[in-house]
Amino acid sequence: KTAPKVISQLKRDLDAKTRSETYRCRFRLSLNERLDGEIACHLWTPYNRSNVSGKLYISSNFVCFASKVRFQNVVIFKLIMKNNNNKVFHQINLIIPFRDIMVIEKQPDNP
């Protein structure tokens, strides 16, 4: 039998620091922002009436959303990027300060 791998506290701390640094760079946040968590989610985009898949990032002062979308008609929050296969993606980045959030509601899951 193999023993389960034990991840050292140092490795966990370094991984968390790396994720926080990546988060701060992606959204151009200040150095004191520390990533508290991230989760896959969908963002409703009213301009084309659809959901966009991505990740929701939470820190002490901000809620941020990032997604790569393959359709061409993204109008707001657009940043064109190329990956290693020369495929073009439109990156949607959204940064919302917690002070601007009044209500957060979970939408019911669609059957």
N, C-alpha and C. Protein backbone atom coordinates (compact mmCIF):
# COMPACT_ATOMS: atom_id res chain seq x y z
N LYS A 1 0.84 -1.20 0.00
CA LYS A 1 0.00 0.00 0.00
C LYS A 1 0.87 1.24 0.00
N THR A 2 0.34 2.27 -0.64
CA THR A 2 1.07 3.53 -0.64
C THR A 2 0.43 4.48 0.36
N ALA A 3 1.27 5.19 1.05
CA ALA A 3 0.78 6.16 2.03
C ALA A 3 0.29 7.41 1.30
N PRO A 4 -0.75 8.04 1.80
CA PRO A 4 -1.22 9.27 1.16
C PRO A 4 -0.14 10.34 1.24
N LYS A 5 -0.07 11.15 0.20
CA LYS A 5 0.93 12.21 0.18
C LYS A 5 0.56 13.30 1.18
N VAL A 6 1.53 13.71 1.92
CA VAL A 6 1.34 14.79 2.88
C VAL A 6 2.00 16.03 2.30
N ILE A 7 1.20 17.05 2.09
CA ILE A 7 1.72 18.29 1.54
C ILE A 7 2.19 19.16 2.70
N SER A 8 3.40 19.62 2.59
CA SER A 8 3.97 20.41 3.67
C SER A 8 3.29 21.78 3.76
N GLN A 9 3.36 22.35 4.94
CA GLN A 9 2.80 23.67 5.17
C GLN A 9 3.49 24.70 4.28
N LEU A 10 4.80 24.54 4.09
CA LEU A 10 5.56 25.45 3.25
C LEU A 10 5.04 25.43 1.81
N LYS A 11 4.78 24.24 1.27
CA LYS A 11 4.27 24.12 -0.10
C LYS A 11 2.90 24.76 -0.21
N ARG A 12 2.02 24.53 0.77
CA ARG A 12 0.69 25.15 0.74
C ARG A 12 0.80 26.68 0.76
N ASP A 13 1.71 27.20 1.59
CA ASP A 13 1.89 28.65 1.67
C ASP A 13 2.43 29.22 0.36
N LEU A 14 3.39 28.53 -0.24
CA LEU A 14 3.95 28.99 -1.51
C LEU A 14 2.91 28.93 -2.63
N ASP A 15 2.10 27.87 -2.65
CA ASP A 15 1.04 27.76 -3.66
C ASP A 15 0.02 28.89 -3.51
N ALA A 16 -0.37 29.18 -2.26
CA ALA A 16 -1.33 30.25 -2.00
C ALA A 16 -0.75 31.60 -2.42
N LYS A 17 0.54 31.81 -2.13
CA LYS A 17 1.19 33.06 -2.51
C LYS A 17 1.24 33.21 -4.03
N THR A 18 1.52 32.11 -4.73
CA THR A 18 1.56 32.14 -6.20
C THR A 18 0.19 32.45 -6.78
N ARG A 19 -0.87 31.82 -6.24
CA ARG A 19 -2.22 32.08 -6.72
C ARG A 19 -2.62 33.54 -6.48
N SER A 20 -2.25 34.07 -5.31
CA SER A 20 -2.57 35.47 -5.01
C SER A 20 -1.84 36.41 -5.95
N GLU A 21 -0.57 36.12 -6.23
CA GLU A 21 0.21 36.96 -7.14
C GLU A 21 -0.38 36.94 -8.54
N THR A 22 -0.77 35.77 -9.01
CA THR A 22 -1.39 35.65 -10.33
C THR A 22 -2.70 36.44 -10.38
N TYR A 23 -3.50 36.32 -9.32
CA TYR A 23 -4.76 37.05 -9.19
C TYR A 23 -4.52 38.56 -9.25
N ARG A 24 -3.57 39.05 -8.47
CA ARG A 24 -3.29 40.50 -8.45
C ARG A 24 -2.82 40.98 -9.82
N CYS A 25 -2.00 40.20 -10.50
CA CYS A 25 -1.50 40.60 -11.82
C CYS A 25 -2.61 40.58 -12.87
N ARG A 26 -3.44 39.55 -12.84
CA ARG A 26 -4.51 39.43 -13.83
C ARG A 26 -5.47 40.61 -13.76
N PHE A 27 -5.80 41.03 -12.55
CA PHE A 27 -6.79 42.10 -12.38
C PHE A 27 -6.17 43.44 -12.01
N ARG A 28 -4.85 43.50 -11.98
CA ARG A 28 -4.11 44.73 -11.67
C ARG A 28 -4.54 45.34 -10.34
N LEU A 29 -4.51 44.51 -9.31
CA LEU A 29 -4.90 44.93 -7.97
C LEU A 29 -3.66 45.28 -7.15
N SER A 30 -3.89 45.94 -6.02
CA SER A 30 -2.77 46.36 -5.17
C SER A 30 -2.09 45.16 -4.51
N LEU A 31 -0.89 45.38 -4.04
CA LEU A 31 -0.09 44.31 -3.46
C LEU A 31 -0.66 43.75 -2.16
N ASN A 32 -1.53 44.49 -1.49
CA ASN A 32 -2.08 43.99 -0.23
C ASN A 32 -3.31 43.09 -0.43
N GLU A 33 -3.78 42.91 -1.67
CA GLU A 33 -4.91 42.01 -1.92
C GLU A 33 -4.42 40.56 -1.88
N ARG A 34 -5.13 39.74 -1.13
CA ARG A 34 -4.79 38.33 -1.03
C ARG A 34 -6.01 37.51 -1.45
N LEU A 35 -5.79 36.57 -2.36
CA LEU A 35 -6.88 35.74 -2.86
C LEU A 35 -7.40 34.84 -1.75
N ASP A 36 -8.71 34.92 -1.49
CA ASP A 36 -9.33 34.08 -0.47
C ASP A 36 -9.91 32.80 -1.07
N GLY A 37 -10.36 32.87 -2.32
CA GLY A 37 -10.93 31.68 -2.95
C GLY A 37 -11.32 31.93 -4.38
N GLU A 38 -11.54 30.84 -5.10
CA GLU A 38 -11.98 30.91 -6.49
C GLU A 38 -12.91 29.74 -6.76
N ILE A 39 -13.87 29.96 -7.66
CA ILE A 39 -14.84 28.92 -7.98
C ILE A 39 -15.32 29.12 -9.41
N ALA A 40 -15.58 28.02 -10.10
CA ALA A 40 -16.14 28.09 -11.46
C ALA A 40 -17.57 28.61 -11.37
N CYS A 41 -17.94 29.47 -12.32
CA CYS A 41 -19.29 30.02 -12.32
C CYS A 41 -19.65 30.52 -13.71
N HIS A 42 -20.84 31.10 -13.83
CA HIS A 42 -21.30 31.70 -15.08
C HIS A 42 -21.67 33.15 -14.81
N LEU A 43 -21.36 34.01 -15.77
CA LEU A 43 -21.71 35.43 -15.69
C LEU A 43 -22.77 35.72 -16.74
N TRP A 44 -23.89 36.31 -16.31
CA TRP A 44 -24.95 36.69 -17.24
C TRP A 44 -24.52 37.97 -17.96
N THR A 45 -24.50 37.92 -19.28
CA THR A 45 -24.14 39.10 -20.07
C THR A 45 -25.38 39.61 -20.79
N PRO A 46 -25.95 40.71 -20.30
CA PRO A 46 -27.21 41.20 -20.85
C PRO A 46 -27.11 41.69 -22.29
N TYR A 47 -25.92 42.10 -22.74
CA TYR A 47 -25.80 42.62 -24.11
C TYR A 47 -26.05 41.55 -25.16
N ASN A 48 -25.80 40.28 -24.84
CA ASN A 48 -26.13 39.21 -25.80
C ASN A 48 -27.02 38.14 -25.18
N ARG A 49 -27.54 38.42 -24.00
CA ARG A 49 -28.50 37.56 -23.30
C ARG A 49 -28.03 36.10 -23.21
N SER A 50 -26.84 35.93 -22.65
CA SER A 50 -26.32 34.57 -22.47
C SER A 50 -25.43 34.51 -21.24
N ASN A 51 -25.12 33.28 -20.83
CA ASN A 51 -24.19 33.05 -19.73
C ASN A 51 -22.81 32.79 -20.30
N VAL A 52 -21.79 33.33 -19.63
CA VAL A 52 -20.41 33.12 -20.02
C VAL A 52 -19.73 32.34 -18.90
N SER A 53 -19.09 31.23 -19.24
CA SER A 53 -18.40 30.42 -18.25
C SER A 53 -17.09 31.07 -17.86
N GLY A 54 -16.72 30.92 -16.61
CA GLY A 54 -15.46 31.48 -16.14
C GLY A 54 -15.21 31.15 -14.70
N LYS A 55 -14.40 31.95 -14.05
CA LYS A 55 -14.07 31.77 -12.64
C LYS A 55 -14.35 33.04 -11.88
N LEU A 56 -14.88 32.86 -10.69
CA LEU A 56 -15.12 33.96 -9.77
C LEU A 56 -14.02 33.92 -8.72
N TYR A 57 -13.36 35.05 -8.52
CA TYR A 57 -12.26 35.17 -7.56
C TYR A 57 -12.71 36.12 -6.45
N ILE A 58 -12.40 35.77 -5.21
CA ILE A 58 -12.80 36.59 -4.08
C ILE A 58 -11.58 36.92 -3.23
N SER A 59 -11.44 38.21 -2.91
CA SER A 59 -10.41 38.66 -1.99
C SER A 59 -11.09 39.53 -0.94
N SER A 60 -10.30 40.17 -0.10
CA SER A 60 -10.89 40.94 0.99
C SER A 60 -11.66 42.17 0.52
N ASN A 61 -11.31 42.73 -0.63
CA ASN A 61 -11.97 43.95 -1.09
C ASN A 61 -12.69 43.84 -2.43
N PHE A 62 -12.49 42.73 -3.16
CA PHE A 62 -13.03 42.63 -4.51
C PHE A 62 -13.61 41.26 -4.80
N VAL A 63 -14.59 41.28 -5.71
CA VAL A 63 -15.07 40.08 -6.39
C VAL A 63 -14.70 40.28 -7.84
N CYS A 64 -13.98 39.32 -8.42
CA CYS A 64 -13.54 39.45 -9.81
C CYS A 64 -13.98 38.23 -10.61
N PHE A 65 -14.20 38.45 -11.90
CA PHE A 65 -14.60 37.37 -12.80
C PHE A 65 -13.68 37.40 -14.00
N ALA A 66 -13.25 36.22 -14.44
CA ALA A 66 -12.42 36.11 -15.64
C ALA A 66 -12.91 34.93 -16.47
N SER A 67 -12.94 35.13 -17.78
CA SER A 67 -13.39 34.08 -18.67
C SER A 67 -12.77 34.23 -20.04
N LYS A 68 -12.59 33.10 -20.72
CA LYS A 68 -12.19 33.11 -22.12
C LYS A 68 -13.40 32.67 -22.93
N VAL A 69 -13.77 33.48 -23.90
CA VAL A 69 -14.94 33.20 -24.71
C VAL A 69 -14.53 33.11 -26.17
N ARG A 70 -15.16 32.22 -26.91
CA ARG A 70 -14.77 32.01 -28.30
C ARG A 70 -15.63 32.73 -29.31
N PHE A 71 -16.67 33.44 -28.91
CA PHE A 71 -17.48 34.12 -29.91
C PHE A 71 -16.92 35.51 -30.18
N GLN A 72 -17.27 36.07 -31.32
CA GLN A 72 -16.65 37.30 -31.81
C GLN A 72 -17.36 38.58 -31.37
N ASN A 73 -18.59 38.49 -30.88
CA ASN A 73 -19.34 39.72 -30.63
C ASN A 73 -19.32 40.20 -29.19
N VAL A 74 -18.26 39.90 -28.46
CA VAL A 74 -18.12 40.43 -27.10
C VAL A 74 -17.74 41.90 -27.22
N VAL A 75 -18.49 42.75 -26.55
CA VAL A 75 -18.27 44.18 -26.73
C VAL A 75 -17.56 44.79 -25.52
N ILE A 76 -18.01 44.45 -24.30
CA ILE A 76 -17.41 45.10 -23.13
C ILE A 76 -16.42 44.17 -22.46
N PHE A 77 -15.49 44.73 -21.73
CA PHE A 77 -14.46 44.02 -20.99
C PHE A 77 -13.68 43.09 -21.92
N LYS A 78 -13.26 43.59 -23.06
CA LYS A 78 -12.64 42.74 -24.08
C LYS A 78 -11.14 42.95 -24.10
N LEU A 79 -10.42 41.85 -24.10
CA LEU A 79 -8.97 41.86 -24.26
C LEU A 79 -8.65 40.67 -25.14
N ILE A 80 -8.05 40.92 -26.30
CA ILE A 80 -7.78 39.84 -27.23
C ILE A 80 -6.44 39.20 -26.88
N MET A 81 -6.43 37.87 -26.80
CA MET A 81 -5.24 37.13 -26.45
C MET A 81 -5.06 35.99 -27.43
N LYS A 82 -3.83 35.55 -27.63
CA LYS A 82 -3.56 34.37 -28.43
C LYS A 82 -2.92 33.33 -27.53
N ASN A 83 -3.35 32.07 -27.69
CA ASN A 83 -2.70 31.02 -26.94
C ASN A 83 -1.63 30.38 -27.80
N ASN A 84 -1.04 29.29 -27.33
CA ASN A 84 0.07 28.66 -28.04
C ASN A 84 -0.33 28.10 -29.41
N ASN A 85 -1.60 27.80 -29.61
CA ASN A 85 -2.06 27.26 -30.89
C ASN A 85 -2.54 28.35 -31.84
N ASN A 86 -2.25 29.61 -31.52
CA ASN A 86 -2.67 30.77 -32.31
C ASN A 86 -4.19 30.90 -32.43
N LYS A 87 -4.92 30.34 -31.47
CA LYS A 87 -6.37 30.55 -31.43
C LYS A 87 -6.63 31.86 -30.69
N VAL A 88 -7.53 32.66 -31.21
CA VAL A 88 -7.84 33.94 -30.59
C VAL A 88 -8.98 33.77 -29.60
N PHE A 89 -8.78 34.29 -28.40
CA PHE A 89 -9.82 34.27 -27.37
C PHE A 89 -10.11 35.71 -26.97
N HIS A 90 -11.34 35.95 -26.59
CA HIS A 90 -11.70 37.23 -26.01
C HIS A 90 -11.77 37.01 -24.51
N GLN A 91 -10.98 37.75 -23.77
CA GLN A 91 -10.95 37.60 -22.32
C GLN A 91 -11.88 38.62 -21.70
N ILE A 92 -12.79 38.16 -20.89
CA ILE A 92 -13.69 39.05 -20.16
C ILE A 92 -13.17 39.13 -18.74
N ASN A 93 -12.83 40.34 -18.29
CA ASN A 93 -12.41 40.58 -16.91
C ASN A 93 -13.36 41.58 -16.29
N LEU A 94 -13.84 41.28 -15.12
CA LEU A 94 -14.77 42.14 -14.42
C LEU A 94 -14.29 42.26 -12.98
N ILE A 95 -14.17 43.48 -12.48
CA ILE A 95 -13.72 43.73 -11.11
C ILE A 95 -14.81 44.53 -10.40
N ILE A 96 -15.30 43.99 -9.29
CA ILE A 96 -16.36 44.67 -8.53
C ILE A 96 -15.89 44.86 -7.10
N PRO A 97 -15.75 46.10 -6.65
CA PRO A 97 -15.39 46.33 -5.24
C PRO A 97 -16.55 45.91 -4.33
N PHE A 98 -16.24 45.30 -3.18
CA PHE A 98 -17.29 44.88 -2.25
C PHE A 98 -18.15 46.05 -1.80
N ARG A 99 -17.58 47.23 -1.73
CA ARG A 99 -18.37 48.38 -1.27
C ARG A 99 -19.52 48.72 -2.23
N ASP A 100 -19.45 48.24 -3.49
CA ASP A 100 -20.49 48.51 -4.47
C ASP A 100 -21.56 47.41 -4.52
N ILE A 101 -21.36 46.33 -3.79
CA ILE A 101 -22.31 45.21 -3.82
C ILE A 101 -23.35 45.41 -2.73
N MET A 102 -24.61 45.36 -3.14
CA MET A 102 -25.70 45.53 -2.18
C MET A 102 -26.32 44.19 -1.80
N VAL A 103 -26.49 43.29 -2.78
CA VAL A 103 -27.14 42.00 -2.54
C VAL A 103 -26.46 40.94 -3.39
N ILE A 104 -26.30 39.75 -2.82
CA ILE A 104 -25.82 38.60 -3.58
C ILE A 104 -26.87 37.50 -3.44
N GLU A 105 -27.33 36.98 -4.56
CA GLU A 105 -28.35 35.93 -4.55
C GLU A 105 -27.88 34.75 -5.36
N LYS A 106 -28.14 33.56 -4.85
CA LYS A 106 -27.84 32.34 -5.60
C LYS A 106 -29.03 32.02 -6.47
N GLN A 107 -28.77 31.81 -7.74
CA GLN A 107 -29.84 31.46 -8.67
C GLN A 107 -30.13 29.96 -8.55
N PRO A 108 -31.39 29.57 -8.68
CA PRO A 108 -31.71 28.13 -8.62
C PRO A 108 -31.09 27.41 -9.79
N ASP A 109 -30.67 26.17 -9.54
CA ASP A 109 -30.10 25.35 -10.60
C ASP A 109 -31.18 25.00 -11.60
N ASN A 110 -30.83 25.04 -12.90
CA ASN A 110 -31.78 24.66 -13.93
C ASN A 110 -31.82 23.14 -14.02
N PRO A 111 -33.05 22.56 -14.10
CA PRO A 111 -33.13 21.10 -14.19
C PRO A 111 -32.68 20.58 -15.52
